[in-house]
N, C-alpha and C. Protein backbone atom coordinates (compact mmCIF):
# COMPACT_ATOMS: atom_id res chain seq x y z
N MET A 1 83.57 130.62 175.62
CA MET A 1 83.00 131.49 174.61
C MET A 1 82.18 132.62 175.25
N LEU A 2 81.34 132.28 176.22
CA LEU A 2 80.51 133.29 176.85
C LEU A 2 81.29 134.01 177.94
N GLN A 3 82.10 134.96 177.49
CA GLN A 3 82.88 135.79 178.38
C GLN A 3 82.51 137.24 178.11
N GLU A 4 82.73 138.08 179.07
CA GLU A 4 82.35 139.49 178.93
C GLU A 4 82.94 140.12 177.68
N ASP A 5 84.17 139.78 177.34
CA ASP A 5 84.83 140.37 176.16
C ASP A 5 84.14 139.99 174.85
N ASN A 6 83.41 138.87 174.84
CA ASN A 6 82.76 138.40 173.62
C ASN A 6 81.30 138.81 173.48
N ILE A 7 80.71 139.40 174.51
CA ILE A 7 79.27 139.66 174.50
C ILE A 7 78.87 140.59 173.36
N ASP A 8 79.63 141.63 173.09
CA ASP A 8 79.28 142.54 171.99
C ASP A 8 79.25 141.80 170.65
N THR A 9 80.30 141.04 170.38
CA THR A 9 80.41 140.32 169.11
C THR A 9 79.31 139.28 168.98
N ILE A 10 79.06 138.54 170.05
CA ILE A 10 78.01 137.51 170.02
C ILE A 10 76.65 138.16 169.83
N SER A 11 76.40 139.27 170.50
CA SER A 11 75.11 139.96 170.40
C SER A 11 74.84 140.43 168.97
N ILE A 12 75.84 140.98 168.34
CA ILE A 12 75.67 141.45 166.96
C ILE A 12 75.48 140.28 166.00
N ALA A 13 76.28 139.23 166.17
CA ALA A 13 76.14 138.05 165.31
C ALA A 13 74.77 137.41 165.47
N LEU A 14 74.31 137.26 166.71
CA LEU A 14 73.00 136.66 166.94
C LEU A 14 71.87 137.54 166.41
N THR A 15 72.03 138.85 166.49
CA THR A 15 71.01 139.74 165.92
C THR A 15 70.88 139.51 164.43
N HIS A 16 71.99 139.36 163.75
CA HIS A 16 71.92 139.07 162.31
C HIS A 16 71.29 137.71 162.05
N TYR A 17 71.71 136.71 162.80
CA TYR A 17 71.21 135.36 162.59
C TYR A 17 69.73 135.23 162.95
N LEU A 18 69.34 135.75 164.09
CA LEU A 18 67.98 135.56 164.60
C LEU A 18 66.97 136.53 164.00
N PHE A 19 67.42 137.68 163.58
CA PHE A 19 66.48 138.75 163.28
C PHE A 19 66.72 139.43 161.94
N ARG A 20 67.88 139.96 161.76
CA ARG A 20 68.15 140.84 160.62
C ARG A 20 68.11 140.11 159.28
N ASN A 21 68.71 138.94 159.19
CA ASN A 21 68.82 138.23 157.92
C ASN A 21 67.62 137.30 157.71
N GLY A 22 66.46 137.89 157.58
CA GLY A 22 65.22 137.14 157.38
C GLY A 22 64.14 138.07 156.90
N PRO A 23 62.91 137.85 157.34
CA PRO A 23 61.79 138.67 156.88
C PRO A 23 61.97 140.16 157.13
N VAL A 24 62.66 140.52 158.21
CA VAL A 24 62.86 141.94 158.49
C VAL A 24 63.69 142.59 157.39
N GLU A 25 64.72 141.89 156.92
CA GLU A 25 65.54 142.43 155.83
C GLU A 25 64.71 142.56 154.55
N ASP A 26 63.86 141.58 154.30
CA ASP A 26 62.97 141.67 153.12
C ASP A 26 62.05 142.89 153.24
N MET A 27 61.50 143.12 154.42
CA MET A 27 60.62 144.27 154.64
C MET A 27 61.40 145.57 154.43
N HIS A 28 62.64 145.59 154.88
CA HIS A 28 63.48 146.78 154.71
C HIS A 28 63.78 147.02 153.24
N SER A 29 64.17 145.97 152.53
CA SER A 29 64.51 146.14 151.11
C SER A 29 63.28 146.46 150.26
N ASP A 30 62.09 146.06 150.72
CA ASP A 30 60.85 146.39 150.02
C ASP A 30 60.31 147.77 150.38
N GLY A 31 61.03 148.50 151.24
CA GLY A 31 60.63 149.85 151.60
C GLY A 31 59.59 149.92 152.71
N GLU A 32 59.30 148.80 153.36
CA GLU A 32 58.33 148.81 154.45
C GLU A 32 58.94 149.32 155.75
N LEU A 33 60.26 149.25 155.85
CA LEU A 33 60.97 149.77 157.01
C LEU A 33 62.06 150.71 156.52
N SER A 34 62.15 151.88 157.13
CA SER A 34 63.18 152.85 156.75
C SER A 34 64.52 152.47 157.37
N GLN A 35 65.55 153.17 156.95
CA GLN A 35 66.87 152.95 157.53
C GLN A 35 66.85 153.27 159.03
N GLU A 36 66.11 154.32 159.40
CA GLU A 36 65.98 154.67 160.82
C GLU A 36 65.25 153.58 161.59
N ASP A 37 64.21 152.99 160.99
CA ASP A 37 63.51 151.87 161.61
C ASP A 37 64.49 150.72 161.87
N MET A 38 65.30 150.42 160.87
CA MET A 38 66.26 149.31 161.01
C MET A 38 67.28 149.59 162.11
N LYS A 39 67.75 150.83 162.18
CA LYS A 39 68.71 151.19 163.24
C LYS A 39 68.07 150.99 164.61
N THR A 40 66.82 151.44 164.75
CA THR A 40 66.12 151.30 166.02
C THR A 40 65.92 149.84 166.38
N LEU A 41 65.45 149.03 165.43
CA LEU A 41 65.21 147.62 165.67
C LEU A 41 66.50 146.86 165.97
N ASN A 42 67.54 147.13 165.18
CA ASN A 42 68.83 146.46 165.40
C ASN A 42 69.41 146.80 166.77
N LYS A 43 69.36 148.06 167.15
CA LYS A 43 69.88 148.49 168.44
C LYS A 43 69.12 147.82 169.58
N PHE A 44 67.80 147.76 169.45
CA PHE A 44 66.97 147.10 170.46
C PHE A 44 67.36 145.63 170.61
N MET A 45 67.49 144.93 169.48
CA MET A 45 67.83 143.51 169.51
C MET A 45 69.22 143.27 170.09
N VAL A 46 70.21 144.02 169.63
CA VAL A 46 71.58 143.86 170.13
C VAL A 46 71.63 144.09 171.63
N ASN A 47 70.95 145.13 172.10
CA ASN A 47 70.96 145.44 173.53
C ASN A 47 70.26 144.36 174.34
N ARG A 48 69.13 143.86 173.85
CA ARG A 48 68.39 142.82 174.58
C ARG A 48 69.20 141.53 174.65
N ILE A 49 69.81 141.14 173.53
CA ILE A 49 70.63 139.92 173.53
C ILE A 49 71.83 140.10 174.45
N ALA A 50 72.47 141.27 174.40
CA ALA A 50 73.60 141.55 175.29
C ALA A 50 73.16 141.47 176.75
N GLY A 51 71.96 141.94 177.05
CA GLY A 51 71.44 141.85 178.41
C GLY A 51 71.27 140.41 178.86
N LEU A 52 70.72 139.57 177.98
CA LEU A 52 70.57 138.15 178.30
C LEU A 52 71.93 137.48 178.51
N LEU A 53 72.84 137.73 177.59
CA LEU A 53 74.16 137.11 177.69
C LEU A 53 74.91 137.58 178.93
N THR A 54 74.78 138.85 179.26
CA THR A 54 75.43 139.38 180.47
C THR A 54 74.85 138.72 181.71
N THR A 55 73.53 138.57 181.74
CA THR A 55 72.88 137.92 182.88
C THR A 55 73.33 136.47 183.00
N MET A 56 73.46 135.79 181.87
CA MET A 56 73.96 134.41 181.87
C MET A 56 75.42 134.37 182.31
N ASN A 57 76.22 135.27 181.81
CA ASN A 57 77.64 135.31 182.16
C ASN A 57 77.83 135.53 183.66
N LYS A 58 76.96 136.31 184.26
CA LYS A 58 77.02 136.57 185.69
C LYS A 58 76.36 135.44 186.50
N GLU A 59 75.82 134.46 185.78
CA GLU A 59 75.14 133.32 186.40
C GLU A 59 74.01 133.76 187.32
N GLU A 60 73.26 134.76 186.87
CA GLU A 60 72.12 135.26 187.61
C GLU A 60 70.87 134.50 187.15
N TRP A 61 70.84 133.23 187.50
CA TRP A 61 69.81 132.32 186.99
C TRP A 61 68.42 132.66 187.50
N LEU A 62 68.32 133.18 188.72
CA LEU A 62 67.01 133.55 189.25
C LEU A 62 66.39 134.67 188.41
N LYS A 63 67.21 135.64 188.00
CA LYS A 63 66.72 136.71 187.15
C LYS A 63 66.19 136.16 185.82
N LEU A 64 66.92 135.21 185.23
CA LEU A 64 66.46 134.61 183.98
C LEU A 64 65.18 133.81 184.18
N GLU A 65 65.10 133.10 185.29
CA GLU A 65 63.89 132.33 185.57
C GLU A 65 62.68 133.26 185.72
N LEU A 66 62.86 134.37 186.42
CA LEU A 66 61.78 135.34 186.58
C LEU A 66 61.37 135.93 185.24
N LEU A 67 62.34 136.24 184.41
CA LEU A 67 62.06 136.77 183.07
C LEU A 67 61.25 135.78 182.25
N LEU A 68 61.69 134.52 182.23
CA LEU A 68 60.99 133.50 181.46
C LEU A 68 59.59 133.24 182.02
N ASN A 69 59.46 133.22 183.33
CA ASN A 69 58.14 133.02 183.92
C ASN A 69 57.18 134.15 183.55
N PHE A 70 57.68 135.37 183.50
CA PHE A 70 56.85 136.50 183.09
C PHE A 70 56.42 136.37 181.63
N TYR A 71 57.39 136.10 180.74
CA TYR A 71 57.07 136.07 179.31
C TYR A 71 56.34 134.81 178.87
N ARG A 72 56.25 133.82 179.74
CA ARG A 72 55.41 132.65 179.45
C ARG A 72 53.94 133.04 179.36
N LEU A 73 53.59 134.18 179.94
CA LEU A 73 52.21 134.65 179.93
C LEU A 73 51.76 135.12 178.55
N PHE A 74 52.70 135.32 177.65
CA PHE A 74 52.41 135.87 176.33
C PHE A 74 52.68 134.84 175.24
N GLY A 75 52.08 135.02 174.10
CA GLY A 75 52.39 134.19 172.94
C GLY A 75 51.72 132.84 172.91
N GLY A 76 50.71 132.64 173.72
CA GLY A 76 50.01 131.36 173.73
C GLY A 76 49.36 131.01 172.41
N ASN A 77 49.15 132.02 171.57
CA ASN A 77 48.52 131.78 170.28
C ASN A 77 49.53 131.58 169.15
N LEU A 78 50.82 131.57 169.48
CA LEU A 78 51.85 131.36 168.45
C LEU A 78 51.94 129.88 168.09
N ASP A 79 52.37 129.62 166.86
CA ASP A 79 52.60 128.23 166.45
C ASP A 79 53.73 127.63 167.27
N LYS A 80 53.68 126.31 167.42
CA LYS A 80 54.75 125.59 168.12
C LYS A 80 56.05 125.78 167.34
N PRO A 81 57.13 126.10 168.04
CA PRO A 81 58.41 126.29 167.34
C PRO A 81 58.88 125.02 166.64
N VAL A 82 59.50 125.21 165.49
CA VAL A 82 60.14 124.13 164.74
C VAL A 82 61.62 124.52 164.64
N ALA A 83 62.48 123.68 165.17
CA ALA A 83 63.92 123.99 165.17
C ALA A 83 64.43 124.14 163.73
N ASP A 84 64.95 125.32 163.42
CA ASP A 84 65.52 125.60 162.09
C ASP A 84 67.03 125.61 162.22
N THR A 85 67.66 124.52 161.81
CA THR A 85 69.12 124.41 161.90
C THR A 85 69.78 124.40 160.53
N ASP A 86 69.03 124.73 159.49
CA ASP A 86 69.56 124.65 158.13
C ASP A 86 70.83 125.47 157.96
N GLU A 87 70.80 126.74 158.36
CA GLU A 87 71.98 127.60 158.16
C GLU A 87 73.14 127.14 159.04
N ILE A 88 72.84 126.73 160.25
CA ILE A 88 73.88 126.24 161.16
C ILE A 88 74.55 125.01 160.54
N ASP A 89 73.74 124.08 160.06
CA ASP A 89 74.27 122.86 159.45
C ASP A 89 75.08 123.17 158.18
N MET A 90 74.58 124.11 157.39
CA MET A 90 75.28 124.50 156.15
C MET A 90 76.65 125.10 156.46
N LEU A 91 76.68 126.01 157.43
CA LEU A 91 77.96 126.62 157.79
C LEU A 91 78.93 125.59 158.37
N PHE A 92 78.42 124.68 159.16
CA PHE A 92 79.25 123.62 159.73
C PHE A 92 79.82 122.73 158.64
N SER A 93 78.98 122.35 157.69
CA SER A 93 79.46 121.46 156.62
C SER A 93 80.49 122.15 155.72
N LYS A 94 80.37 123.47 155.54
CA LYS A 94 81.36 124.20 154.76
C LYS A 94 82.69 124.27 155.49
N GLU A 95 82.62 124.37 156.80
CA GLU A 95 83.84 124.50 157.61
C GLU A 95 84.54 123.16 157.81
N PHE A 96 83.76 122.08 157.92
CA PHE A 96 84.33 120.77 158.20
C PHE A 96 83.98 119.82 157.10
C-alpha cells in the first residue's frame, strides 16, 4: 500500500480523515475560515502527510526519529490521546 504511486491519494484521504472532516469543517461552514484559509490549511496538511509518507517509503527512519524527538518538546499540556476508531470500525462493518 505504501508505495510512491499511492502517496498522493493516501495524503489526500488522510487529510480528510484526520483534519478536514471534523471541527475545521464546522469552522469553515460557520464562516470562521474562508475558502482561501481552507485551501491553505488543506495544502499544508496534504504536503506534510506526503512528506511523512515519502520519508517512510524511503525507510529513512533516522529522519523520522529526529522529527519525533524534536516535536516531543511540544504539547506537554495536551490531553492524553484517546484512540478514536469509530469511523474506521463503521466503514469496516459496512464493507464486511
